[in-house]
N, C-alpha and C. Protein backbone atom coordinates (compact mmCIF):
# COMPACT_ATOMS: atom_id res chain seq x y z
N PRO A 1 -12.01 14.92 6.75
CA PRO A 1 -12.52 14.22 5.57
C PRO A 1 -12.93 12.79 5.91
N TRP A 2 -13.67 12.21 5.04
CA TRP A 2 -14.25 10.88 5.26
C TRP A 2 -13.20 9.81 5.48
N VAL A 3 -12.00 9.97 4.89
CA VAL A 3 -10.96 8.95 5.07
C VAL A 3 -10.56 8.85 6.54
N PHE A 4 -10.43 10.01 7.20
CA PHE A 4 -10.08 10.01 8.62
C PHE A 4 -11.18 9.35 9.43
N ASP A 5 -12.46 9.61 9.08
CA ASP A 5 -13.57 8.97 9.77
C ASP A 5 -13.51 7.47 9.63
N LEU A 6 -13.22 6.98 8.42
CA LEU A 6 -13.09 5.54 8.21
C LEU A 6 -11.99 4.95 9.08
N TYR A 7 -10.86 5.65 9.10
CA TYR A 7 -9.72 5.15 9.87
C TYR A 7 -10.05 5.12 11.37
N HIS A 8 -10.58 6.25 11.86
CA HIS A 8 -10.84 6.34 13.30
C HIS A 8 -11.92 5.35 13.75
N SER A 9 -12.84 5.03 12.88
CA SER A 9 -13.88 4.08 13.26
C SER A 9 -13.35 2.65 13.25
N ARG A 10 -12.13 2.47 12.66
CA ARG A 10 -11.49 1.16 12.56
C ARG A 10 -12.29 0.18 11.71
N ARG A 11 -13.18 0.71 10.86
CA ARG A 11 -13.95 -0.17 9.99
C ARG A 11 -13.09 -0.75 8.88
N ILE A 12 -12.02 -0.05 8.54
CA ILE A 12 -11.14 -0.53 7.48
C ILE A 12 -9.73 -0.02 7.76
N ALA A 13 -8.76 -0.85 7.51
CA ALA A 13 -7.36 -0.45 7.72
C ALA A 13 -6.99 0.60 6.68
N PRO A 14 -6.17 1.59 7.07
CA PRO A 14 -5.82 2.67 6.14
C PRO A 14 -5.20 2.16 4.84
N ALA A 15 -4.25 1.25 4.94
CA ALA A 15 -3.58 0.77 3.73
C ALA A 15 -4.58 0.10 2.80
N ALA A 16 -5.46 -0.72 3.34
CA ALA A 16 -6.45 -1.40 2.51
C ALA A 16 -7.40 -0.40 1.88
N CYS A 17 -7.78 0.60 2.64
CA CYS A 17 -8.67 1.64 2.13
C CYS A 17 -8.04 2.34 0.94
N PHE A 18 -6.80 2.77 1.07
CA PHE A 18 -6.16 3.52 0.00
C PHE A 18 -5.81 2.64 -1.19
N GLU A 19 -5.44 1.39 -0.95
CA GLU A 19 -5.15 0.49 -2.07
C GLU A 19 -6.40 0.28 -2.92
N LYS A 20 -7.53 0.06 -2.28
CA LYS A 20 -8.78 -0.13 -3.01
C LYS A 20 -9.15 1.11 -3.80
N LEU A 21 -9.00 2.26 -3.16
CA LEU A 21 -9.35 3.50 -3.84
C LEU A 21 -8.41 3.79 -5.00
N ALA A 22 -7.12 3.56 -4.80
CA ALA A 22 -6.16 3.80 -5.88
C ALA A 22 -6.41 2.86 -7.05
N ALA A 23 -6.70 1.60 -6.75
CA ALA A 23 -6.96 0.62 -7.80
C ALA A 23 -8.19 1.01 -8.62
N ALA A 24 -9.15 1.62 -7.96
CA ALA A 24 -10.37 2.03 -8.66
C ALA A 24 -10.21 3.41 -9.29
N ALA A 25 -9.04 4.01 -9.13
CA ALA A 25 -8.75 5.35 -9.66
C ALA A 25 -9.74 6.38 -9.15
N VAL A 26 -10.16 6.24 -7.90
CA VAL A 26 -11.05 7.20 -7.28
C VAL A 26 -10.24 8.41 -6.86
N ARG A 27 -10.73 9.59 -7.13
CA ARG A 27 -10.05 10.82 -6.74
C ARG A 27 -10.40 11.16 -5.29
N PHE A 28 -9.44 11.67 -4.55
CA PHE A 28 -9.67 12.05 -3.17
C PHE A 28 -10.20 13.47 -3.10
N ASP A 29 -10.96 13.74 -2.05
CA ASP A 29 -11.34 15.11 -1.77
C ASP A 29 -10.08 15.84 -1.32
N MET A 30 -10.12 17.16 -1.43
CA MET A 30 -9.00 17.93 -0.94
C MET A 30 -8.88 17.72 0.57
N VAL A 31 -7.66 17.62 1.03
CA VAL A 31 -7.39 17.41 2.44
C VAL A 31 -7.39 18.77 3.13
N THR A 32 -7.97 18.82 4.30
CA THR A 32 -7.94 20.06 5.07
C THR A 32 -7.30 19.80 6.42
N TRP A 33 -6.61 20.81 6.91
CA TRP A 33 -5.97 20.74 8.21
C TRP A 33 -7.04 20.75 9.30
N THR A 34 -6.87 19.90 10.29
CA THR A 34 -7.70 19.95 11.49
C THR A 34 -6.78 19.83 12.68
N GLU A 35 -7.25 20.23 13.82
CA GLU A 35 -6.44 20.15 15.04
C GLU A 35 -6.13 18.70 15.41
N GLU A 36 -6.89 17.75 14.88
CA GLU A 36 -6.57 16.33 15.12
C GLU A 36 -5.18 15.98 14.59
N LEU A 37 -4.70 16.74 13.61
CA LEU A 37 -3.39 16.48 13.02
C LEU A 37 -2.24 17.16 13.79
N SER A 38 -2.58 18.00 14.75
CA SER A 38 -1.56 18.76 15.46
C SER A 38 -0.74 17.87 16.39
N VAL A 39 0.58 18.02 16.28
CA VAL A 39 1.49 17.32 17.21
C VAL A 39 1.85 18.22 18.39
N GLY A 40 1.36 19.46 18.38
CA GLY A 40 1.57 20.35 19.51
C GLY A 40 2.81 21.21 19.44
N ILE A 41 3.55 21.11 18.36
CA ILE A 41 4.72 21.97 18.15
C ILE A 41 4.47 22.72 16.84
N ASP A 42 4.37 24.04 16.95
CA ASP A 42 3.92 24.85 15.82
C ASP A 42 4.72 24.62 14.54
N GLU A 43 6.04 24.53 14.67
CA GLU A 43 6.88 24.37 13.48
C GLU A 43 6.59 23.05 12.77
N LEU A 44 6.38 21.99 13.51
CA LEU A 44 6.06 20.70 12.90
C LEU A 44 4.65 20.73 12.32
N ASP A 45 3.73 21.37 13.02
CA ASP A 45 2.38 21.51 12.48
C ASP A 45 2.41 22.31 11.17
N ASP A 46 3.21 23.37 11.14
CA ASP A 46 3.32 24.16 9.90
C ASP A 46 3.88 23.31 8.77
N ASP A 47 4.86 22.47 9.08
CA ASP A 47 5.39 21.56 8.06
C ASP A 47 4.30 20.64 7.55
N HIS A 48 3.52 20.08 8.44
CA HIS A 48 2.45 19.17 8.04
C HIS A 48 1.39 19.90 7.21
N LYS A 49 1.14 21.16 7.53
CA LYS A 49 0.21 21.96 6.72
C LYS A 49 0.76 22.13 5.30
N ARG A 50 2.06 22.30 5.18
CA ARG A 50 2.67 22.42 3.86
C ARG A 50 2.53 21.12 3.07
N LEU A 51 2.66 19.99 3.76
CA LEU A 51 2.45 18.71 3.08
C LEU A 51 1.02 18.63 2.54
N ILE A 52 0.07 19.07 3.32
CA ILE A 52 -1.32 19.08 2.86
C ILE A 52 -1.46 19.98 1.63
N GLU A 53 -0.80 21.14 1.64
CA GLU A 53 -0.83 22.03 0.47
C GLU A 53 -0.30 21.30 -0.77
N ILE A 54 0.80 20.59 -0.60
CA ILE A 54 1.40 19.88 -1.73
C ILE A 54 0.47 18.77 -2.22
N ILE A 55 -0.11 18.01 -1.30
CA ILE A 55 -1.03 16.95 -1.70
C ILE A 55 -2.20 17.53 -2.47
N ASN A 56 -2.76 18.62 -1.98
CA ASN A 56 -3.90 19.23 -2.67
C ASN A 56 -3.51 19.77 -4.04
N ARG A 57 -2.33 20.34 -4.12
CA ARG A 57 -1.86 20.83 -5.43
C ARG A 57 -1.63 19.65 -6.37
N LEU A 58 -1.05 18.58 -5.86
CA LEU A 58 -0.86 17.38 -6.68
C LEU A 58 -2.20 16.87 -7.21
N GLU A 59 -3.19 16.87 -6.35
CA GLU A 59 -4.53 16.42 -6.74
C GLU A 59 -5.04 17.26 -7.91
N THR A 60 -4.78 18.55 -7.85
CA THR A 60 -5.24 19.45 -8.90
C THR A 60 -4.47 19.26 -10.20
N VAL A 61 -3.14 19.27 -10.13
CA VAL A 61 -2.33 19.25 -11.35
C VAL A 61 -2.19 17.87 -11.97
N SER A 62 -2.38 16.80 -11.18
CA SER A 62 -2.21 15.46 -11.75
C SER A 62 -3.27 15.12 -12.78
N GLY A 63 -4.39 15.79 -12.71
CA GLY A 63 -5.45 15.56 -13.69
C GLY A 63 -5.31 16.40 -14.94
N ASP A 64 -4.30 17.25 -14.99
CA ASP A 64 -4.13 18.17 -16.12
C ASP A 64 -2.92 17.76 -16.95
N ALA A 65 -3.17 17.01 -18.01
CA ALA A 65 -2.08 16.55 -18.88
C ALA A 65 -1.36 17.71 -19.57
N GLU A 66 -2.00 18.87 -19.60
CA GLU A 66 -1.41 20.04 -20.25
C GLU A 66 -0.46 20.81 -19.34
N ASP A 67 -0.30 20.38 -18.09
CA ASP A 67 0.53 21.12 -17.14
C ASP A 67 1.60 20.23 -16.50
N PRO A 68 2.53 19.70 -17.33
CA PRO A 68 3.57 18.86 -16.73
C PRO A 68 4.50 19.65 -15.79
N GLU A 69 4.65 20.94 -16.02
CA GLU A 69 5.52 21.74 -15.16
C GLU A 69 4.94 21.86 -13.76
N GLY A 70 3.62 21.98 -13.65
CA GLY A 70 2.99 22.03 -12.33
C GLY A 70 3.23 20.75 -11.56
N LEU A 71 3.18 19.64 -12.26
CA LEU A 71 3.44 18.35 -11.63
C LEU A 71 4.90 18.23 -11.20
N ARG A 72 5.81 18.67 -12.06
CA ARG A 72 7.23 18.66 -11.72
C ARG A 72 7.48 19.49 -10.46
N GLN A 73 6.88 20.66 -10.39
CA GLN A 73 7.06 21.52 -9.22
C GLN A 73 6.57 20.83 -7.94
N CYS A 74 5.46 20.13 -8.03
CA CYS A 74 4.94 19.42 -6.86
C CYS A 74 5.88 18.30 -6.43
N ILE A 75 6.38 17.56 -7.39
CA ILE A 75 7.29 16.45 -7.07
C ILE A 75 8.54 16.99 -6.37
N TYR A 76 9.11 18.04 -6.91
CA TYR A 76 10.32 18.59 -6.31
C TYR A 76 10.02 19.30 -4.99
N SER A 77 8.83 19.85 -4.85
CA SER A 77 8.43 20.41 -3.56
C SER A 77 8.34 19.31 -2.51
N LEU A 78 7.84 18.14 -2.91
CA LEU A 78 7.80 17.00 -1.99
C LEU A 78 9.21 16.60 -1.56
N MET A 79 10.14 16.61 -2.49
CA MET A 79 11.52 16.25 -2.15
C MET A 79 12.11 17.26 -1.16
N ARG A 80 11.88 18.55 -1.42
CA ARG A 80 12.38 19.57 -0.49
C ARG A 80 11.67 19.47 0.86
N TYR A 81 10.37 19.21 0.83
CA TYR A 81 9.62 19.04 2.06
C TYR A 81 10.23 17.93 2.91
N ALA A 82 10.47 16.79 2.28
CA ALA A 82 11.03 15.65 3.01
C ALA A 82 12.38 16.03 3.63
N GLU A 83 13.17 16.74 2.88
CA GLU A 83 14.51 17.12 3.35
C GLU A 83 14.44 17.97 4.62
N TYR A 84 13.69 19.07 4.58
CA TYR A 84 13.70 19.96 5.74
C TYR A 84 12.80 19.44 6.86
N HIS A 85 11.65 18.88 6.55
CA HIS A 85 10.76 18.43 7.61
C HIS A 85 11.35 17.25 8.38
N PHE A 86 11.89 16.29 7.64
CA PHE A 86 12.44 15.12 8.33
C PHE A 86 13.65 15.52 9.17
N ALA A 87 14.46 16.44 8.68
CA ALA A 87 15.59 16.93 9.48
C ALA A 87 15.09 17.56 10.77
N ARG A 88 14.07 18.41 10.65
CA ARG A 88 13.52 19.07 11.84
C ARG A 88 12.95 18.04 12.81
N GLU A 89 12.12 17.15 12.29
CA GLU A 89 11.44 16.19 13.15
C GLU A 89 12.44 15.25 13.85
N GLU A 90 13.44 14.79 13.12
CA GLU A 90 14.43 13.90 13.71
C GLU A 90 15.25 14.62 14.78
N LYS A 91 15.56 15.88 14.56
CA LYS A 91 16.29 16.65 15.57
C LYS A 91 15.43 16.86 16.82
N VAL A 92 14.14 17.09 16.61
CA VAL A 92 13.22 17.24 17.75
C VAL A 92 13.18 15.94 18.55
N MET A 93 13.06 14.82 17.86
CA MET A 93 13.00 13.53 18.56
C MET A 93 14.30 13.24 19.29
N ALA A 94 15.43 13.58 18.68
CA ALA A 94 16.73 13.37 19.35
C ALA A 94 16.82 14.26 20.60
N ALA A 95 16.34 15.50 20.48
CA ALA A 95 16.42 16.44 21.60
C ALA A 95 15.61 15.98 22.81
N CYS A 96 14.55 15.24 22.57
CA CYS A 96 13.74 14.78 23.71
C CYS A 96 14.00 13.30 24.00
N ALA A 97 15.05 12.74 23.39
CA ALA A 97 15.46 11.34 23.60
C ALA A 97 14.32 10.37 23.34
N TYR A 98 13.62 10.59 22.24
CA TYR A 98 12.50 9.71 21.88
C TYR A 98 13.03 8.34 21.47
N ALA A 99 12.54 7.30 22.13
CA ALA A 99 13.04 5.94 21.91
C ALA A 99 12.73 5.40 20.51
N GLY A 100 11.72 5.93 19.85
CA GLY A 100 11.33 5.44 18.53
C GLY A 100 12.01 6.16 17.37
N LEU A 101 13.06 6.93 17.66
CA LEU A 101 13.72 7.71 16.61
C LEU A 101 14.22 6.85 15.45
N SER A 102 14.87 5.76 15.74
CA SER A 102 15.45 4.92 14.68
C SER A 102 14.39 4.41 13.71
N GLY A 103 13.28 3.93 14.23
CA GLY A 103 12.20 3.46 13.37
C GLY A 103 11.59 4.59 12.56
N HIS A 104 11.51 5.75 13.17
CA HIS A 104 10.99 6.93 12.48
C HIS A 104 11.92 7.32 11.32
N GLU A 105 13.21 7.26 11.57
CA GLU A 105 14.18 7.57 10.52
C GLU A 105 14.03 6.60 9.35
N ASP A 106 13.79 5.34 9.65
CA ASP A 106 13.58 4.34 8.59
C ASP A 106 12.35 4.70 7.74
N GLU A 107 11.28 5.13 8.40
CA GLU A 107 10.07 5.53 7.66
C GLU A 107 10.35 6.75 6.79
N HIS A 108 11.10 7.70 7.33
CA HIS A 108 11.45 8.89 6.56
C HIS A 108 12.28 8.53 5.33
N LEU A 109 13.21 7.61 5.50
CA LEU A 109 14.04 7.17 4.38
C LEU A 109 13.17 6.51 3.31
N ALA A 110 12.25 5.66 3.72
CA ALA A 110 11.37 4.99 2.76
C ALA A 110 10.53 6.01 1.99
N PHE A 111 10.03 7.03 2.68
CA PHE A 111 9.26 8.10 2.03
C PHE A 111 10.13 8.81 1.01
N THR A 112 11.32 9.19 1.44
CA THR A 112 12.24 9.93 0.56
C THR A 112 12.59 9.11 -0.68
N LEU A 113 12.87 7.84 -0.51
CA LEU A 113 13.19 6.98 -1.66
C LEU A 113 12.01 6.87 -2.62
N LYS A 114 10.80 6.78 -2.08
CA LYS A 114 9.61 6.70 -2.93
C LYS A 114 9.46 7.98 -3.76
N ILE A 115 9.64 9.13 -3.14
CA ILE A 115 9.50 10.39 -3.87
C ILE A 115 10.61 10.55 -4.90
N ARG A 116 11.82 10.14 -4.56
CA ARG A 116 12.91 10.19 -5.55
C ARG A 116 12.61 9.30 -6.75
N GLU A 117 12.03 8.14 -6.51
CA GLU A 117 11.66 7.24 -7.60
C GLU A 117 10.58 7.86 -8.48
N VAL A 118 9.63 8.54 -7.87
CA VAL A 118 8.59 9.24 -8.65
C VAL A 118 9.25 10.32 -9.51
N ALA A 119 10.19 11.06 -8.94
CA ALA A 119 10.88 12.11 -9.69
C ALA A 119 11.65 11.51 -10.87
N ARG A 120 12.32 10.39 -10.63
CA ARG A 120 13.05 9.72 -11.70
C ARG A 120 12.10 9.28 -12.81
N ARG A 121 10.99 8.66 -12.42
CA ARG A 121 10.00 8.22 -13.41
C ARG A 121 9.43 9.39 -14.20
N PHE A 122 9.22 10.51 -13.51
CA PHE A 122 8.68 11.69 -14.18
C PHE A 122 9.66 12.19 -15.24
N GLU A 123 10.94 12.22 -14.92
CA GLU A 123 11.93 12.71 -15.88
C GLU A 123 12.03 11.79 -17.10
N VAL A 124 11.82 10.50 -16.91
CA VAL A 124 11.89 9.54 -18.01
C VAL A 124 10.64 9.59 -18.88
N ASP A 125 9.46 9.63 -18.24
CA ASP A 125 8.20 9.60 -18.98
C ASP A 125 7.14 10.36 -18.19
N PRO A 126 7.04 11.68 -18.43
CA PRO A 126 6.11 12.50 -17.64
C PRO A 126 4.66 12.03 -17.69
N GLU A 127 4.19 11.58 -18.83
CA GLU A 127 2.79 11.16 -18.93
C GLU A 127 2.53 9.90 -18.11
N ALA A 128 3.39 8.92 -18.20
CA ALA A 128 3.22 7.70 -17.39
C ALA A 128 3.31 8.04 -15.90
N ALA A 129 4.21 8.94 -15.55
CA ALA A 129 4.35 9.34 -14.16
C ALA A 129 3.08 10.06 -13.69
N ARG A 130 2.49 10.87 -14.55
CA ARG A 130 1.26 11.59 -14.19
C ARG A 130 0.15 10.60 -13.85
N VAL A 131 0.01 9.55 -14.66
CA VAL A 131 -1.01 8.54 -14.40
C VAL A 131 -0.73 7.84 -13.07
N HIS A 132 0.55 7.52 -12.82
CA HIS A 132 0.94 6.89 -11.55
C HIS A 132 0.62 7.82 -10.38
N ILE A 133 0.94 9.09 -10.53
CA ILE A 133 0.70 10.05 -9.46
C ILE A 133 -0.78 10.18 -9.17
N ALA A 134 -1.58 10.26 -10.25
CA ALA A 134 -3.02 10.41 -10.06
C ALA A 134 -3.61 9.20 -9.34
N GLY A 135 -3.06 8.02 -9.58
CA GLY A 135 -3.63 6.83 -8.98
C GLY A 135 -2.99 6.39 -7.69
N GLN A 136 -1.65 6.38 -7.65
CA GLN A 136 -0.97 5.76 -6.53
C GLN A 136 -0.27 6.72 -5.58
N LEU A 137 0.39 7.74 -6.10
CA LEU A 137 1.14 8.63 -5.21
C LEU A 137 0.21 9.40 -4.29
N ILE A 138 -0.87 9.91 -4.82
CA ILE A 138 -1.80 10.66 -3.97
C ILE A 138 -2.37 9.76 -2.89
N ALA A 139 -2.68 8.51 -3.24
CA ALA A 139 -3.16 7.55 -2.24
C ALA A 139 -2.09 7.31 -1.18
N PHE A 140 -0.83 7.15 -1.61
CA PHE A 140 0.27 6.95 -0.68
C PHE A 140 0.40 8.15 0.27
N LEU A 141 0.32 9.36 -0.26
CA LEU A 141 0.47 10.56 0.56
C LEU A 141 -0.68 10.70 1.55
N ASN A 142 -1.89 10.40 1.12
CA ASN A 142 -3.03 10.45 2.04
C ASN A 142 -2.87 9.39 3.13
N SER A 143 -2.40 8.22 2.75
CA SER A 143 -2.14 7.17 3.73
C SER A 143 -1.05 7.62 4.70
N TRP A 144 -0.04 8.28 4.17
CA TRP A 144 1.05 8.80 5.02
C TRP A 144 0.48 9.76 6.06
N LEU A 145 -0.43 10.62 5.66
CA LEU A 145 -1.05 11.54 6.61
C LEU A 145 -1.68 10.78 7.77
N ILE A 146 -2.39 9.72 7.44
CA ILE A 146 -3.08 8.97 8.48
C ILE A 146 -2.10 8.13 9.29
N GLU A 147 -1.35 7.29 8.62
CA GLU A 147 -0.48 6.35 9.33
C GLU A 147 0.68 7.05 10.02
N HIS A 148 1.37 7.89 9.29
CA HIS A 148 2.59 8.46 9.85
C HIS A 148 2.28 9.61 10.81
N ILE A 149 1.52 10.57 10.36
CA ILE A 149 1.30 11.74 11.21
C ILE A 149 0.35 11.42 12.36
N MET A 150 -0.80 10.83 12.04
CA MET A 150 -1.81 10.64 13.08
C MET A 150 -1.49 9.49 14.04
N VAL A 151 -0.59 8.62 13.67
CA VAL A 151 -0.24 7.51 14.56
C VAL A 151 1.20 7.67 15.05
N ASN A 152 2.15 7.62 14.13
CA ASN A 152 3.56 7.61 14.52
C ASN A 152 4.05 8.94 15.08
N ASP A 153 3.67 10.04 14.44
CA ASP A 153 4.09 11.34 14.98
C ASP A 153 3.42 11.62 16.32
N MET A 154 2.19 11.19 16.46
CA MET A 154 1.49 11.42 17.73
C MET A 154 2.15 10.66 18.88
N ALA A 155 2.91 9.62 18.56
CA ALA A 155 3.59 8.86 19.61
C ALA A 155 4.69 9.69 20.27
N TYR A 156 5.40 10.53 19.52
CA TYR A 156 6.46 11.35 20.13
C TYR A 156 5.92 12.68 20.67
N SER A 157 4.74 13.06 20.26
CA SER A 157 4.19 14.36 20.60
C SER A 157 4.21 14.69 22.09
N PRO A 158 3.71 13.83 22.96
CA PRO A 158 3.70 14.20 24.40
C PRO A 158 5.09 14.45 24.96
N ILE A 159 6.04 13.65 24.54
CA ILE A 159 7.41 13.79 25.04
C ILE A 159 8.03 15.08 24.51
N ALA A 160 7.86 15.33 23.22
CA ALA A 160 8.44 16.53 22.61
C ALA A 160 7.81 17.81 23.15
N CYS A 161 6.51 17.78 23.36
CA CYS A 161 5.83 18.97 23.86
C CYS A 161 6.29 19.37 25.27
N GLU A 162 6.74 18.39 26.03
CA GLU A 162 7.20 18.65 27.40
C GLU A 162 8.68 19.06 27.45
N SER A 163 9.36 18.99 26.31
CA SER A 163 10.80 19.24 26.29
C SER A 163 11.12 20.64 25.74
N PRO A 164 11.63 21.53 26.60
CA PRO A 164 12.03 22.85 26.11
C PRO A 164 13.10 22.75 25.01
N GLU A 165 14.00 21.78 25.14
CA GLU A 165 15.06 21.62 24.14
C GLU A 165 14.46 21.20 22.79
N ALA A 166 13.49 20.32 22.80
CA ALA A 166 12.84 19.90 21.55
C ALA A 166 12.16 21.09 20.88
N ARG A 167 11.50 21.92 21.67
CA ARG A 167 10.84 23.11 21.11
C ARG A 167 11.88 24.08 20.52
N ARG A 168 13.01 24.23 21.23
CA ARG A 168 14.07 25.12 20.74
C ARG A 168 14.62 24.60 19.42
N VAL A 169 14.87 23.31 19.36
CA VAL A 169 15.41 22.69 18.15
C VAL A 169 14.44 22.82 16.99
N ALA A 170 13.16 22.66 17.26
CA ALA A 170 12.15 22.79 16.20
C ALA A 170 12.22 24.16 15.53
N LYS A 171 12.47 25.17 16.33
CA LYS A 171 12.56 26.54 15.80
C LYS A 171 13.85 26.78 15.02
N SER A 172 14.88 25.98 15.29
CA SER A 172 16.20 26.23 14.71
C SER A 172 16.35 25.71 13.27
N VAL A 173 15.53 24.79 12.86
CA VAL A 173 15.65 24.23 11.51
C VAL A 173 14.87 25.11 10.55
N ARG A 174 15.54 25.56 9.52
CA ARG A 174 14.92 26.45 8.53
C ARG A 174 14.70 25.71 7.22
N GLY A 175 13.91 26.33 6.35
CA GLY A 175 13.75 25.78 5.01
C GLY A 175 12.36 25.31 4.70
N SER A 176 11.35 25.85 5.36
CA SER A 176 10.00 25.35 5.17
C SER A 176 9.26 26.00 4.01
N HIS A 177 9.96 26.75 3.19
CA HIS A 177 9.29 27.39 2.05
C HIS A 177 9.03 26.36 0.95
N VAL A 178 7.81 26.31 0.48
CA VAL A 178 7.45 25.43 -0.64
C VAL A 178 7.35 26.31 -1.88
N TRP A 179 8.14 25.98 -2.87
CA TRP A 179 8.22 26.77 -4.08
C TRP A 179 7.32 26.18 -5.16
N TRP A 180 6.44 27.00 -5.69
CA TRP A 180 5.57 26.54 -6.79
C TRP A 180 6.12 26.97 -8.14
N GLY A 181 7.17 27.76 -8.12
CA GLY A 181 7.77 28.18 -9.39
C GLY A 181 6.98 29.30 -10.05
N SER A 182 7.58 29.87 -11.06
CA SER A 182 6.89 30.87 -11.86
C SER A 182 7.73 31.21 -13.06
């Protein structure tokens, strides 16, 4: 998508790009998986694909004031995603003795706290939360894809890909099912 092109060309910083777009309430195109997002470990790539599914679903349901349940499902799917994916990723980094693990854990905690705050806001006032999600959360998640996955996750990728133990650990963490409810 065009956002990745903007980032890779270095014409604009990702955070500035998303802040401007969120402030203008511009809707993002649906995100699609590309091999550029691959960290080289199938289980982590599958997790990242699930995040893209959630972002795209959020994009769809956040514009529908008549479907608060769809939005609730996405928010709680994000919380479950953070729980299992971050556990898997941190175990992979520990298994390959990645020096940046502590900083990565801090980023994961910040993500988790942000999603918990969105969930809290949704339970208090679903309509206000929907407006926030349509404008700011989707921008944050798209920025996360660029900053966290394409930069920070790629930093551990070469080390993890060379580690048989990291690959074994990646397979051992379960829980990647994203529930849409019914």
